[in-house]
Amino acid sequence: MKKFCDHAIAFLLASGSAAVAAYSMSQIAHKNLGIPSSDLRNQALMSAALLIGFVTVQFIVTRER
C-alpha cells in the first residue's frame, strides 16, 4: 500500500509541475510569439493523447511481467 501511495504522490507532483510549465510556455507562445490560442489548444490535446497512450502501454507492459 505504501508503494502505491508513493507512486500516487509522485504522479500528482509531476502532473502539477507539468501543468505549470505548459501554462507558462503557452502564455509565452501566445503573447510574445503571436501564436493563436486555438493552435496551442489543438497541440496540447494531441500531446496529451500521445502521453496517455504511452502511459497506457507502459502500464500494460509492466502488469504482464
C-alpha atoms as a PDB file:
ATOM      1  CA  MET A   1       0.000   0.000   0.000  1.00  0.00           C
ATOM      2  CA  LYS A   2       2.854   2.354   0.804  1.00  0.00           C
ATOM      3  CA  LYS A   3       4.350   1.839  -2.662  1.00  0.00           C
ATOM      4  CA  PHE A   4       1.020   2.793  -4.252  1.00  0.00           C
ATOM      5  CA  CYS A   5       0.819   5.971  -2.175  1.00  0.00           C
ATOM      6  CA  ASP A   6       4.383   6.908  -3.114  1.00  0.00           C
ATOM      7  CA  HIS A   7       3.578   6.452  -6.794  1.00  0.00           C
ATOM      8  CA  ALA A   8       0.349   8.428  -6.492  1.00  0.00           C
ATOM      9  CA  ILE A   9       2.064  11.358  -4.785  1.00  0.00           C
ATOM     10  CA  ALA A  10       4.894  11.345  -7.328  1.00  0.00           C
ATOM     11  CA  PHE A  11       2.341  11.298 -10.162  1.00  0.00           C
ATOM     12  CA  LEU A  12       0.430  14.230  -8.680  1.00  0.00           C
ATOM     13  CA  LEU A  13       3.593  16.280  -8.201  1.00  0.00           C
ATOM     14  CA  ALA A  14       4.771  15.522 -11.727  1.00  0.00           C
ATOM     15  CA  SER A  15       1.352  16.389 -13.171  1.00  0.00           C
ATOM     16  CA  GLY A  16       1.208  19.657 -11.264  1.00  0.00           C
ATOM     17  CA  SER A  17       4.667  20.775 -12.325  1.00  0.00           C
ATOM     18  CA  ALA A  18       3.945  19.763 -15.936  1.00  0.00           C
ATOM     19  CA  ALA A  19       0.743  21.808 -15.886  1.00  0.00           C
ATOM     20  CA  VAL A  20       2.558  24.888 -14.577  1.00  0.00           C
ATOM     21  CA  ALA A  21       5.281  24.512 -17.210  1.00  0.00           C
ATOM     22  CA  ALA A  22       2.734  24.025 -20.005  1.00  0.00           C
ATOM     23  CA  TYR A  23       0.748  27.075 -18.919  1.00  0.00           C
ATOM     24  CA  SER A  24       3.871  29.229 -18.783  1.00  0.00           C
ATOM     25  CA  MET A  25       5.026  28.081 -22.207  1.00  0.00           C
ATOM     26  CA  SER A  26       1.607  28.692 -23.733  1.00  0.00           C
ATOM     27  CA  GLN A  27       1.491  32.231 -22.343  1.00  0.00           C
ATOM     28  CA  ILE A  28       4.919  32.976 -23.794  1.00  0.00           C
ATOM     29  CA  ALA A  29       3.960  31.479 -27.164  1.00  0.00           C
ATOM     30  CA  HIS A  30       0.647  33.347 -27.284  1.00  0.00           C
ATOM     31  CA  LYS A  31       1.708  36.768 -26.035  1.00  0.00           C
ATOM     32  CA  ASN A  32       5.302  37.071 -27.252  1.00  0.00           C
ATOM     33  CA  LEU A  33       5.281  34.976 -30.421  1.00  0.00           C
ATOM     34  CA  GLY A  34       1.708  35.681 -31.525  1.00  0.00           C
ATOM     35  CA  ILE A  35       0.601  32.064 -31.973  1.00  0.00           C
ATOM     36  CA  PRO A  36      -3.208  31.819 -31.908  1.00  0.00           C
ATOM     37  CA  SER A  37      -4.647  30.165 -28.816  1.00  0.00           C
ATOM     38  CA  SER A  38      -6.689  27.702 -30.916  1.00  0.00           C
ATOM     39  CA  ASP A  39      -3.466  26.272 -32.389  1.00  0.00           C
ATOM     40  CA  LEU A  40      -1.974  25.970 -28.918  1.00  0.00           C
ATOM     41  CA  ARG A  41      -5.091  24.204 -27.671  1.00  0.00           C
ATOM     42  CA  ASN A  42      -5.021  21.703 -30.550  1.00  0.00           C
ATOM     43  CA  GLN A  43      -1.345  20.923 -29.971  1.00  0.00           C
ATOM     44  CA  ALA A  44      -1.952  20.464 -26.245  1.00  0.00           C
ATOM     45  CA  LEU A  45      -4.784  17.992 -26.863  1.00  0.00           C
ATOM     46  CA  MET A  46      -2.696  15.966 -29.309  1.00  0.00           C
ATOM     47  CA  SER A  47       0.243  15.891 -26.905  1.00  0.00           C
ATOM     48  CA  ALA A  48      -1.989  14.810 -24.024  1.00  0.00           C
ATOM     49  CA  ALA A  49      -3.465  11.998 -26.131  1.00  0.00           C
ATOM     50  CA  LEU A  50       0.009  10.827 -27.095  1.00  0.00           C
ATOM     51  CA  LEU A  51       1.197  10.836 -23.485  1.00  0.00           C
ATOM     52  CA  ILE A  52      -1.904   8.941 -22.345  1.00  0.00           C
ATOM     53  CA  GLY A  53      -1.123   6.329 -24.975  1.00  0.00           C
ATOM     54  CA  PHE A  54       2.460   5.992 -23.765  1.00  0.00           C
ATOM     55  CA  VAL A  55       1.404   5.679 -20.126  1.00  0.00           C
ATOM     56  CA  THR A  56      -1.238   3.090 -21.016  1.00  0.00           C
ATOM     57  CA  VAL A  57       1.242   0.972 -22.962  1.00  0.00           C
ATOM     58  CA  GLN A  58       3.767   1.203 -20.132  1.00  0.00           C
ATOM     59  CA  PHE A  59       1.102   0.185 -17.607  1.00  0.00           C
ATOM     60  CA  ILE A  60       0.050  -2.828 -19.677  1.00  0.00           C
ATOM     61  CA  VAL A  61       3.636  -3.962 -20.205  1.00  0.00           C
ATOM     62  CA  THR A  62       4.512  -3.746 -16.504  1.00  0.00           C
ATOM     63  CA  ARG A  63       1.320  -5.564 -15.474  1.00  0.00           C
ATOM     64  CA  GLU A  64       2.145  -8.535 -17.721  1.00  0.00           C
ATOM     65  CA  ARG A  65       5.528  -9.201 -16.089  1.00  0.00           C
END
